[in-house]
Amino acid sequence: MILKNLCIILVEPRGPRNVGSVARAMANFGLHDLRLVQPQTDHLQEEARQMAVKAGGILENAKLFPDLQSALEGCHCSYGTTRRLGKYRVDILNPDDAALQLLPLLEGGRIAMVFGREDKGLKTEEVDLCQRLITIPTDDNLPSMNLAQSVGICLYETYRQLGRSQGKTTEVKTLADLDEVEAMFEHMRHTFLDIDYLNPQNPEHILRTYRRLLGRAGLDPREVRALRGLLSSIDWVASEQRRLAGEGSDDEDT
């Protein structure tokens, strides 16, 4: 598996629980090469091992380095992570786009993902050592993410894109035929007109909203059948109401 050529570099990590969680995330996605630059904690202490769970071997085999440049030895390309934009931080990729770029590179050599300090991230001179940059879109009210979560998101996107490239997506949805969908919308038009939900002079005005909504959902045959079942139930209720109303009128006449 080509992900064995992907290494994770943590620059001056401070939290043992974070380091342990990173090791676990790496194991989740088939990585084993963890490199620590001047860690500010003992990565083998109990807290780290507890968070690593069954990935303790990754902690034990982690390599320590005095600086990022030495940690990048043997790597052919590095992707640094950042949440800050600026003059020297441009052309930044989201994790999914970065994954698409780096996967082909893994075929030819070792690639690094570099994560900065929990509180300050990567320094500008460290960013200079990274050929490409990744950022994770977050809310402006709290833009900085937890270190281990950031690693997990980046590795998930890489693993997901790898699965797609190999035809191993977790779910392949079979969409309903257009004829089935159009028959459903025709049923919907009839039902909605029957219960006076649509303006008979312009029924498409509201139906277009449902077309857009359900079009985004990408309905499969089962979902189309479920919606038509709902419409049929509405038809029945409307029919029963008319029947009961008609019987009531007959009673009044007698």
C-alpha atoms as a PDB file:
ATOM      1  CA  MET A   1       0.000   0.000   0.000  1.00  0.00           C
ATOM      2  CA  ILE A   2       1.449   3.331  -1.084  1.00  0.00           C
ATOM      3  CA  LEU A   3       0.504   5.074   2.176  1.00  0.00           C
ATOM      4  CA  LYS A   4       3.548   3.426   3.751  1.00  0.00           C
ATOM      5  CA  ASN A   5       5.493   6.165   1.935  1.00  0.00           C
ATOM      6  CA  LEU A   6       3.641   8.917   3.811  1.00  0.00           C
ATOM      7  CA  CYS A   7       5.200  10.147   7.048  1.00  0.00           C
ATOM      8  CA  ILE A   8       3.766  12.441   9.708  1.00  0.00           C
ATOM      9  CA  ILE A   9       5.992  15.107  11.253  1.00  0.00           C
ATOM     10  CA  LEU A  10       4.945  16.920  14.435  1.00  0.00           C
ATOM     11  CA  VAL A  11       6.924  20.053  15.266  1.00  0.00           C
ATOM     12  CA  GLU A  12       7.416  20.634  19.004  1.00  0.00           C
ATOM     13  CA  PRO A  13       4.237  18.855  20.145  1.00  0.00           C
ATOM     14  CA  ARG A  14       3.387  19.649  23.779  1.00  0.00           C
ATOM     15  CA  GLY A  15       0.552  17.305  24.691  1.00  0.00           C
ATOM     16  CA  PRO A  16       1.248  13.597  25.248  1.00  0.00           C
ATOM     17  CA  ARG A  17      -2.427  12.817  24.653  1.00  0.00           C
ATOM     18  CA  ASN A  18      -2.238  14.573  21.312  1.00  0.00           C
ATOM     19  CA  VAL A  19       0.818  12.596  20.271  1.00  0.00           C
ATOM     20  CA  GLY A  20      -0.846   9.341  21.309  1.00  0.00           C
ATOM     21  CA  SER A  21      -4.000  10.262  19.391  1.00  0.00           C
ATOM     22  CA  VAL A  22      -1.942  11.043  16.298  1.00  0.00           C
ATOM     23  CA  ALA A  23      -0.337   7.593  16.528  1.00  0.00           C
ATOM     24  CA  ARG A  24      -3.760   6.006  16.714  1.00  0.00           C
ATOM     25  CA  ALA A  25      -4.995   7.975  13.677  1.00  0.00           C
ATOM     26  CA  MET A  26      -1.926   6.882  11.757  1.00  0.00           C
ATOM     27  CA  ALA A  27      -2.641   3.247  12.572  1.00  0.00           C
ATOM     28  CA  ASN A  28      -6.262   3.718  11.521  1.00  0.00           C
ATOM     29  CA  PHE A  29      -5.117   4.643   8.039  1.00  0.00           C
ATOM     30  CA  GLY A  30      -2.134   2.325   7.628  1.00  0.00           C
ATOM     31  CA  LEU A  31       0.767   4.694   8.362  1.00  0.00           C
ATOM     32  CA  HIS A  32       3.721   3.926  10.626  1.00  0.00           C
ATOM     33  CA  ASP A  33       6.391   6.620  10.115  1.00  0.00           C
ATOM     34  CA  LEU A  34       6.054   9.220  12.905  1.00  0.00           C
ATOM     35  CA  ARG A  35       8.726  11.901  13.278  1.00  0.00           C
ATOM     36  CA  LEU A  36       8.907  14.334  16.197  1.00  0.00           C
ATOM     37  CA  VAL A  37      10.829  17.606  16.079  1.00  0.00           C
ATOM     38  CA  GLN A  38      11.964  18.686  19.538  1.00  0.00           C
ATOM     39  CA  PRO A  39       8.922  17.270  21.355  1.00  0.00           C
ATOM     40  CA  GLN A  40       8.028  19.237  24.467  1.00  0.00           C
ATOM     41  CA  THR A  41       6.765  16.097  26.181  1.00  0.00           C
ATOM     42  CA  ASP A  42       7.739  12.490  26.688  1.00  0.00           C
ATOM     43  CA  HIS A  43       5.934  10.720  23.851  1.00  0.00           C
ATOM     44  CA  LEU A  44       6.298   7.363  25.620  1.00  0.00           C
ATOM     45  CA  GLN A  45       4.584   8.343  28.863  1.00  0.00           C
ATOM     46  CA  GLU A  46       1.418   6.600  29.994  1.00  0.00           C
ATOM     47  CA  GLU A  47      -1.010   9.285  28.788  1.00  0.00           C
ATOM     48  CA  ALA A  48       0.323   8.988  25.257  1.00  0.00           C
ATOM     49  CA  ARG A  49       0.152   5.187  25.333  1.00  0.00           C
ATOM     50  CA  GLN A  50      -3.425   5.269  26.603  1.00  0.00           C
ATOM     51  CA  MET A  51      -4.540   7.465  23.705  1.00  0.00           C
ATOM     52  CA  ALA A  52      -2.597   5.396  21.185  1.00  0.00           C
ATOM     53  CA  VAL A  53      -4.472   2.242  22.303  1.00  0.00           C
ATOM     54  CA  LYS A  54      -3.114  -0.452  19.949  1.00  0.00           C
ATOM     55  CA  ALA A  55      -0.772   1.927  18.142  1.00  0.00           C
ATOM     56  CA  GLY A  56       1.885   1.892  20.855  1.00  0.00           C
ATOM     57  CA  GLY A  57       4.398   0.500  18.376  1.00  0.00           C
ATOM     58  CA  ILE A  58       4.198   3.708  16.360  1.00  0.00           C
ATOM     59  CA  LEU A  59       5.120   5.701  19.473  1.00  0.00           C
ATOM     60  CA  GLU A  60       7.991   3.391  20.306  1.00  0.00           C
ATOM     61  CA  ASN A  61       9.393   3.614  16.787  1.00  0.00           C
ATOM     62  CA  ALA A  62       8.947   7.373  16.455  1.00  0.00           C
ATOM     63  CA  LYS A  63      12.120   9.176  15.417  1.00  0.00           C
ATOM     64  CA  LEU A  64      13.295  12.365  17.145  1.00  0.00           C
ATOM     65  CA  PHE A  65      14.938  15.272  15.333  1.00  0.00           C
ATOM     66  CA  PRO A  66      16.475  18.603  16.394  1.00  0.00           C
ATOM     67  CA  ASP A  67      14.801  20.583  13.618  1.00  0.00           C
ATOM     68  CA  LEU A  68      12.377  20.236  10.708  1.00  0.00           C
ATOM     69  CA  GLN A  69      15.070  20.210   8.066  1.00  0.00           C
ATOM     70  CA  SER A  70      16.679  17.103   9.497  1.00  0.00           C
ATOM     71  CA  ALA A  71      13.261  15.479   9.986  1.00  0.00           C
ATOM     72  CA  LEU A  72      12.581  15.910   6.275  1.00  0.00           C
ATOM     73  CA  GLU A  73      15.660  13.938   5.311  1.00  0.00           C
ATOM     74  CA  GLY A  74      14.762  11.226   2.822  1.00  0.00           C
ATOM     75  CA  CYS A  75      11.468  12.892   1.835  1.00  0.00           C
ATOM     76  CA  HIS A  76      10.807  13.944  -1.741  1.00  0.00           C
ATOM     77  CA  CYS A  77       8.083  16.475  -0.982  1.00  0.00           C
ATOM     78  CA  SER A  78       6.419  17.959   2.080  1.00  0.00           C
ATOM     79  CA  TYR A  79       2.969  19.361   2.735  1.00  0.00           C
ATOM     80  CA  GLY A  80       2.855  21.818   5.607  1.00  0.00           C
ATOM     81  CA  THR A  81      -0.379  22.627   7.421  1.00  0.00           C
ATOM     82  CA  THR A  82      -1.424  26.169   8.295  1.00  0.00           C
ATOM     83  CA  ARG A  83      -4.488  28.161   9.271  1.00  0.00           C
ATOM     84  CA  ARG A  84      -2.861  31.518   8.557  1.00  0.00           C
ATOM     85  CA  LEU A  85      -2.884  33.234   5.178  1.00  0.00           C
ATOM     86  CA  GLY A  86      -0.413  35.843   4.072  1.00  0.00           C
ATOM     87  CA  LYS A  87       2.291  36.918   1.680  1.00  0.00           C
ATOM     88  CA  TYR A  88       4.182  33.664   2.055  1.00  0.00           C
ATOM     89  CA  ARG A  89       1.189  31.416   2.518  1.00  0.00           C
ATOM     90  CA  VAL A  90      -0.610  31.308  -0.821  1.00  0.00           C
ATOM     91  CA  ASP A  91      -2.031  28.632  -3.144  1.00  0.00           C
ATOM     92  CA  ILE A  92      -3.191  26.733  -0.081  1.00  0.00           C
ATOM     93  CA  LEU A  93      -5.011  23.453  -0.624  1.00  0.00           C
ATOM     94  CA  ASN A  94      -7.899  21.905   1.231  1.00  0.00           C
ATOM     95  CA  PRO A  95      -7.161  18.375   2.522  1.00  0.00           C
ATOM     96  CA  ASP A  96      -9.098  16.620  -0.258  1.00  0.00           C
ATOM     97  CA  ASP A  97      -7.311  18.550  -3.018  1.00  0.00           C
ATOM     98  CA  ALA A  98      -3.977  17.948  -1.318  1.00  0.00           C
ATOM     99  CA  ALA A  99      -4.743  14.229  -1.194  1.00  0.00           C
ATOM    100  CA  LEU A 100      -5.393  14.148  -4.933  1.00  0.00           C
ATOM    101  CA  GLN A 101      -2.041  15.795  -5.545  1.00  0.00           C
ATOM    102  CA  LEU A 102       0.099  13.775  -3.191  1.00  0.00           C
ATOM    103  CA  LEU A 103      -1.194  10.282  -3.926  1.00  0.00           C
ATOM    104  CA  PRO A 104       0.583  10.018  -7.303  1.00  0.00           C
ATOM    105  CA  LEU A 105       3.752  11.358  -5.664  1.00  0.00           C
ATOM    106  CA  LEU A 106       3.728   8.495  -3.149  1.00  0.00           C
ATOM    107  CA  GLU A 107       4.360   6.081  -5.991  1.00  0.00           C
ATOM    108  CA  GLY A 108       7.777   7.594  -6.502  1.00  0.00           C
ATOM    109  CA  GLY A 109       9.048   8.315  -2.995  1.00  0.00           C
ATOM    110  CA  ARG A 110       8.416   9.416   0.573  1.00  0.00           C
ATOM    111  CA  ILE A 111       6.112  12.378   1.215  1.00  0.00           C
ATOM    112  CA  ALA A 112       5.750  14.241   4.514  1.00  0.00           C
ATOM    113  CA  MET A 113       2.793  15.933   6.135  1.00  0.00           C
ATOM    114  CA  VAL A 114       4.060  18.521   8.596  1.00  0.00           C
ATOM    115  CA  PHE A 115       1.982  19.758  11.530  1.00  0.00           C
ATOM    116  CA  GLY A 116       3.024  22.715  13.658  1.00  0.00           C
ATOM    117  CA  ARG A 117       2.830  23.575  17.336  1.00  0.00           C
ATOM    118  CA  GLU A 118      -0.541  23.335  19.056  1.00  0.00           C
ATOM    119  CA  ASP A 119      -0.529  27.043  19.927  1.00  0.00           C
ATOM    120  CA  LYS A 120       1.520  28.739  17.205  1.00  0.00           C
ATOM    121  CA  GLY A 121       1.658  26.401  14.238  1.00  0.00           C
ATOM    122  CA  LEU A 122       4.643  26.472  11.890  1.00  0.00           C
ATOM    123  CA  LYS A 123       7.096  29.349  11.755  1.00  0.00           C
ATOM    124  CA  THR A 124       7.657  31.097   8.439  1.00  0.00           C
ATOM    125  CA  GLU A 125      11.076  29.515   8.034  1.00  0.00           C
ATOM    126  CA  GLU A 126       9.509  26.096   8.579  1.00  0.00           C
ATOM    127  CA  VAL A 127       6.797  26.847   6.030  1.00  0.00           C
ATOM    128  CA  ASP A 128       9.633  27.639   3.607  1.00  0.00           C
ATOM    129  CA  LEU A 129      10.725  23.998   3.866  1.00  0.00           C
ATOM    130  CA  CYS A 130       7.297  22.799   2.697  1.00  0.00           C
ATOM    131  CA  GLN A 131       6.640  22.753  -1.031  1.00  0.00           C
ATOM    132  CA  ARG A 132       2.881  22.867  -0.619  1.00  0.00           C
ATOM    133  CA  LEU A 133       0.459  23.998   2.079  1.00  0.00           C
ATOM    134  CA  ILE A 134      -2.789  22.564   3.443  1.00  0.00           C
ATOM    135  CA  THR A 135      -5.478  24.308   5.440  1.00  0.00           C
ATOM    136  CA  ILE A 136      -8.652  22.890   6.965  1.00  0.00           C
ATOM    137  CA  PRO A 137     -11.633  25.248   6.504  1.00  0.00           C
ATOM    138  CA  THR A 138     -13.077  26.158   9.905  1.00  0.00           C
ATOM    139  CA  ASP A 139     -15.349  28.766  11.436  1.00  0.00           C
ATOM    140  CA  ASP A 140     -13.797  32.193  11.983  1.00  0.00           C
ATOM    141  CA  ASN A 141     -14.923  32.191  15.618  1.00  0.00           C
ATOM    142  CA  LEU A 142     -12.577  29.292  16.392  1.00  0.00           C
ATOM    143  CA  PRO A 143     -10.292  28.676  13.406  1.00  0.00           C
ATOM    144  CA  SER A 144      -7.567  26.688  15.174  1.00  0.00           C
ATOM    145  CA  MET A 145      -8.120  22.938  15.342  1.00  0.00           C
ATOM    146  CA  ASN A 146      -6.794  20.369  17.771  1.00  0.00           C
ATOM    147  CA  LEU A 147      -3.553  18.813  16.518  1.00  0.00           C
ATOM    148  CA  ALA A 148      -4.745  15.208  16.525  1.00  0.00           C
ATOM    149  CA  GLN A 149      -8.031  16.139  14.853  1.00  0.00           C
ATOM    150  CA  SER A 150      -6.146  17.951  12.108  1.00  0.00           C
ATOM    151  CA  VAL A 151      -3.982  14.912  11.452  1.00  0.00           C
ATOM    152  CA  GLY A 152      -7.047  12.672  11.429  1.00  0.00           C
ATOM    153  CA  ILE A 153      -8.873  14.839   8.876  1.00  0.00           C
ATOM    154  CA  CYS A 154      -5.896  15.013   6.535  1.00  0.00           C
ATOM    155  CA  LEU A 155      -5.300  11.269   6.722  1.00  0.00           C
ATOM    156  CA  TYR A 156      -8.980  10.492   6.247  1.00  0.00           C
ATOM    157  CA  GLU A 157      -9.114  12.566   3.068  1.00  0.00           C
ATOM    158  CA  THR A 158      -5.971  10.890   1.772  1.00  0.00           C
ATOM    159  CA  TYR A 159      -7.325   7.427   2.527  1.00  0.00           C
ATOM    160  CA  ARG A 160     -10.690   8.300   0.982  1.00  0.00           C
ATOM    161  CA  GLN A 161      -9.130   9.583  -2.231  1.00  0.00           C
ATOM    162  CA  LEU A 162      -6.950   6.476  -2.373  1.00  0.00           C
ATOM    163  CA  GLY A 163     -10.051   4.307  -2.104  1.00  0.00           C
ATOM    164  CA  ARG A 164     -11.736   6.252  -4.879  1.00  0.00           C
ATOM    165  CA  SER A 165      -8.744   5.895  -7.145  1.00  0.00           C
ATOM    166  CA  GLN A 166      -8.797   2.143  -6.569  1.00  0.00           C
ATOM    167  CA  GLY A 167     -12.538   1.847  -7.007  1.00  0.00           C
ATOM    168  CA  LYS A 168     -13.007   1.046  -3.316  1.00  0.00           C
ATOM    169  CA  THR A 169     -15.373   3.738  -2.129  1.00  0.00           C
ATOM    170  CA  THR A 170     -17.284   2.810   0.996  1.00  0.00           C
ATOM    171  CA  GLU A 171     -20.642   3.228  -0.762  1.00  0.00           C
ATOM    172  CA  VAL A 172     -21.622   3.218  -4.425  1.00  0.00           C
ATOM    173  CA  LYS A 173     -25.102   4.636  -4.814  1.00  0.00           C
ATOM    174  CA  THR A 174     -27.180   3.418  -7.755  1.00  0.00           C
ATOM    175  CA  LEU A 175     -29.268   6.364  -8.882  1.00  0.00           C
ATOM    176  CA  ALA A 176     -32.839   5.963 -10.047  1.00  0.00           C
ATOM    177  CA  ASP A 177     -33.483   6.149 -13.789  1.00  0.00           C
ATOM    178  CA  LEU A 178     -34.654   9.521 -15.050  1.00  0.00           C
ATOM    179  CA  ASP A 179     -37.893   7.904 -16.177  1.00  0.00           C
ATOM    180  CA  GLU A 180     -38.574   6.787 -12.587  1.00  0.00           C
ATOM    181  CA  VAL A 181     -37.837  10.249 -11.250  1.00  0.00           C
ATOM    182  CA  GLU A 182     -40.025  11.967 -13.817  1.00  0.00           C
ATOM    183  CA  ALA A 183     -42.876   9.553 -13.061  1.00  0.00           C
ATOM    184  CA  MET A 184     -42.496  10.467  -9.386  1.00  0.00           C
ATOM    185  CA  PHE A 185     -42.682  14.189 -10.171  1.00  0.00           C
ATOM    186  CA  GLU A 186     -45.754  13.614 -12.328  1.00  0.00           C
ATOM    187  CA  HIS A 187     -47.339  11.768  -9.403  1.00  0.00           C
ATOM    188  CA  MET A 188     -46.305  14.635  -7.133  1.00  0.00           C
ATOM    189  CA  ARG A 189     -47.880  17.196  -9.464  1.00  0.00           C
ATOM    190  CA  HIS A 190     -51.167  15.278  -9.527  1.00  0.00           C
ATOM    191  CA  THR A 191     -51.223  14.784  -5.742  1.00  0.00           C
ATOM    192  CA  PHE A 192     -50.308  18.359  -4.882  1.00  0.00           C
ATOM    193  CA  LEU A 193     -52.904  19.734  -7.284  1.00  0.00           C
ATOM    194  CA  ASP A 194     -55.496  17.400  -5.833  1.00  0.00           C
ATOM    195  CA  ILE A 195     -54.963  18.719  -2.296  1.00  0.00           C
ATOM    196  CA  ASP A 196     -54.821  22.358  -3.508  1.00  0.00           C
ATOM    197  CA  TYR A 197     -51.165  22.718  -2.537  1.00  0.00           C
ATOM    198  CA  LEU A 198     -50.212  23.966  -6.005  1.00  0.00           C
ATOM    199  CA  ASN A 199     -51.540  26.880  -7.972  1.00  0.00           C
ATOM    200  CA  PRO A 200     -53.217  25.196 -10.953  1.00  0.00           C
ATOM    201  CA  GLN A 201     -52.296  28.206 -13.105  1.00  0.00           C
ATOM    202  CA  ASN A 202     -48.591  27.740 -12.379  1.00  0.00           C
ATOM    203  CA  PRO A 203     -47.906  24.367 -10.702  1.00  0.00           C
ATOM    204  CA  GLU A 204     -44.252  24.295 -11.802  1.00  0.00           C
ATOM    205  CA  HIS A 205     -43.373  27.253  -9.570  1.00  0.00           C
ATOM    206  CA  ILE A 206     -43.374  25.121  -6.398  1.00  0.00           C
ATOM    207  CA  LEU A 207     -42.490  21.865  -8.138  1.00  0.00           C
ATOM    208  CA  ARG A 208     -39.196  23.348  -9.313  1.00  0.00           C
ATOM    209  CA  THR A 209     -38.232  23.827  -5.670  1.00  0.00           C
ATOM    210  CA  TYR A 210     -38.795  20.119  -5.056  1.00  0.00           C
ATOM    211  CA  ARG A 211     -36.882  19.262  -8.209  1.00  0.00           C
ATOM    212  CA  ARG A 212     -33.865  21.188  -6.975  1.00  0.00           C
ATOM    213  CA  LEU A 213     -34.128  19.796  -3.449  1.00  0.00           C
ATOM    214  CA  LEU A 214     -34.525  16.152  -4.504  1.00  0.00           C
ATOM    215  CA  GLY A 215     -32.067  16.570  -7.359  1.00  0.00           C
ATOM    216  CA  ARG A 216     -29.339  17.481  -4.867  1.00  0.00           C
ATOM    217  CA  ALA A 217     -30.193  14.332  -2.900  1.00  0.00           C
ATOM    218  CA  GLY A 218     -29.499  12.063  -5.880  1.00  0.00           C
ATOM    219  CA  LEU A 219     -32.385   9.651  -5.297  1.00  0.00           C
ATOM    220  CA  ASP A 220     -31.926   5.917  -5.638  1.00  0.00           C
ATOM    221  CA  PRO A 221     -34.791   3.585  -6.710  1.00  0.00           C
ATOM    222  CA  ARG A 222     -35.715   2.722  -3.113  1.00  0.00           C
ATOM    223  CA  GLU A 223     -35.989   6.393  -2.183  1.00  0.00           C
ATOM    224  CA  VAL A 224     -38.180   7.074  -5.207  1.00  0.00           C
ATOM    225  CA  ARG A 225     -40.468   4.214  -4.190  1.00  0.00           C
ATOM    226  CA  ALA A 226     -40.605   5.558  -0.625  1.00  0.00           C
ATOM    227  CA  LEU A 227     -41.618   9.020  -1.829  1.00  0.00           C
ATOM    228  CA  ARG A 228     -44.236   7.586  -4.163  1.00  0.00           C
ATOM    229  CA  GLY A 229     -45.567   5.541  -1.259  1.00  0.00           C
ATOM    230  CA  LEU A 230     -45.944   8.770   0.714  1.00  0.00           C
ATOM    231  CA  LEU A 231     -47.734  10.407  -2.204  1.00  0.00           C
ATOM    232  CA  SER A 232     -50.051   7.393  -2.514  1.00  0.00           C
ATOM    233  CA  SER A 233     -50.911   7.700   1.179  1.00  0.00           C
ATOM    234  CA  ILE A 234     -51.750  11.364   0.678  1.00  0.00           C
ATOM    235  CA  ASP A 235     -53.916  10.380  -2.302  1.00  0.00           C
ATOM    236  CA  TRP A 236     -55.800   7.877  -0.151  1.00  0.00           C
ATOM    237  CA  VAL A 237     -56.355  10.323   2.710  1.00  0.00           C
ATOM    238  CA  ALA A 238     -57.610  12.988   0.300  1.00  0.00           C
ATOM    239  CA  SER A 239     -59.922  10.446  -1.326  1.00  0.00           C
ATOM    240  CA  GLU A 240     -61.316   9.359   2.051  1.00  0.00           C
ATOM    241  CA  GLN A 241     -61.918  12.963   3.068  1.00  0.00           C
ATOM    242  CA  ARG A 242     -63.869  13.576  -0.101  1.00  0.00           C
ATOM    243  CA  ARG A 243     -65.856  10.365   0.395  1.00  0.00           C
ATOM    244  CA  LEU A 244     -66.727  11.233   3.980  1.00  0.00           C
ATOM    245  CA  ALA A 245     -67.613  14.753   2.989  1.00  0.00           C
ATOM    246  CA  GLY A 246     -69.872  13.367   0.269  1.00  0.00           C
ATOM    247  CA  GLU A 247     -71.608  10.988   2.706  1.00  0.00           C
ATOM    248  CA  GLY A 248     -72.172  13.891   5.077  1.00  0.00           C
ATOM    249  CA  SER A 249     -73.868  15.863   2.338  1.00  0.00           C
ATOM    250  CA  ASP A 250     -76.128  12.910   1.517  1.00  0.00           C
ATOM    251  CA  ASP A 251     -77.157  12.635   5.170  1.00  0.00           C
ATOM    252  CA  GLU A 252     -78.088  16.303   5.275  1.00  0.00           C
ATOM    253  CA  ASP A 253     -80.198  15.934   2.135  1.00  0.00           C
ATOM    254  CA  THR A 254     -82.209  13.131   3.689  1.00  0.00           C
END
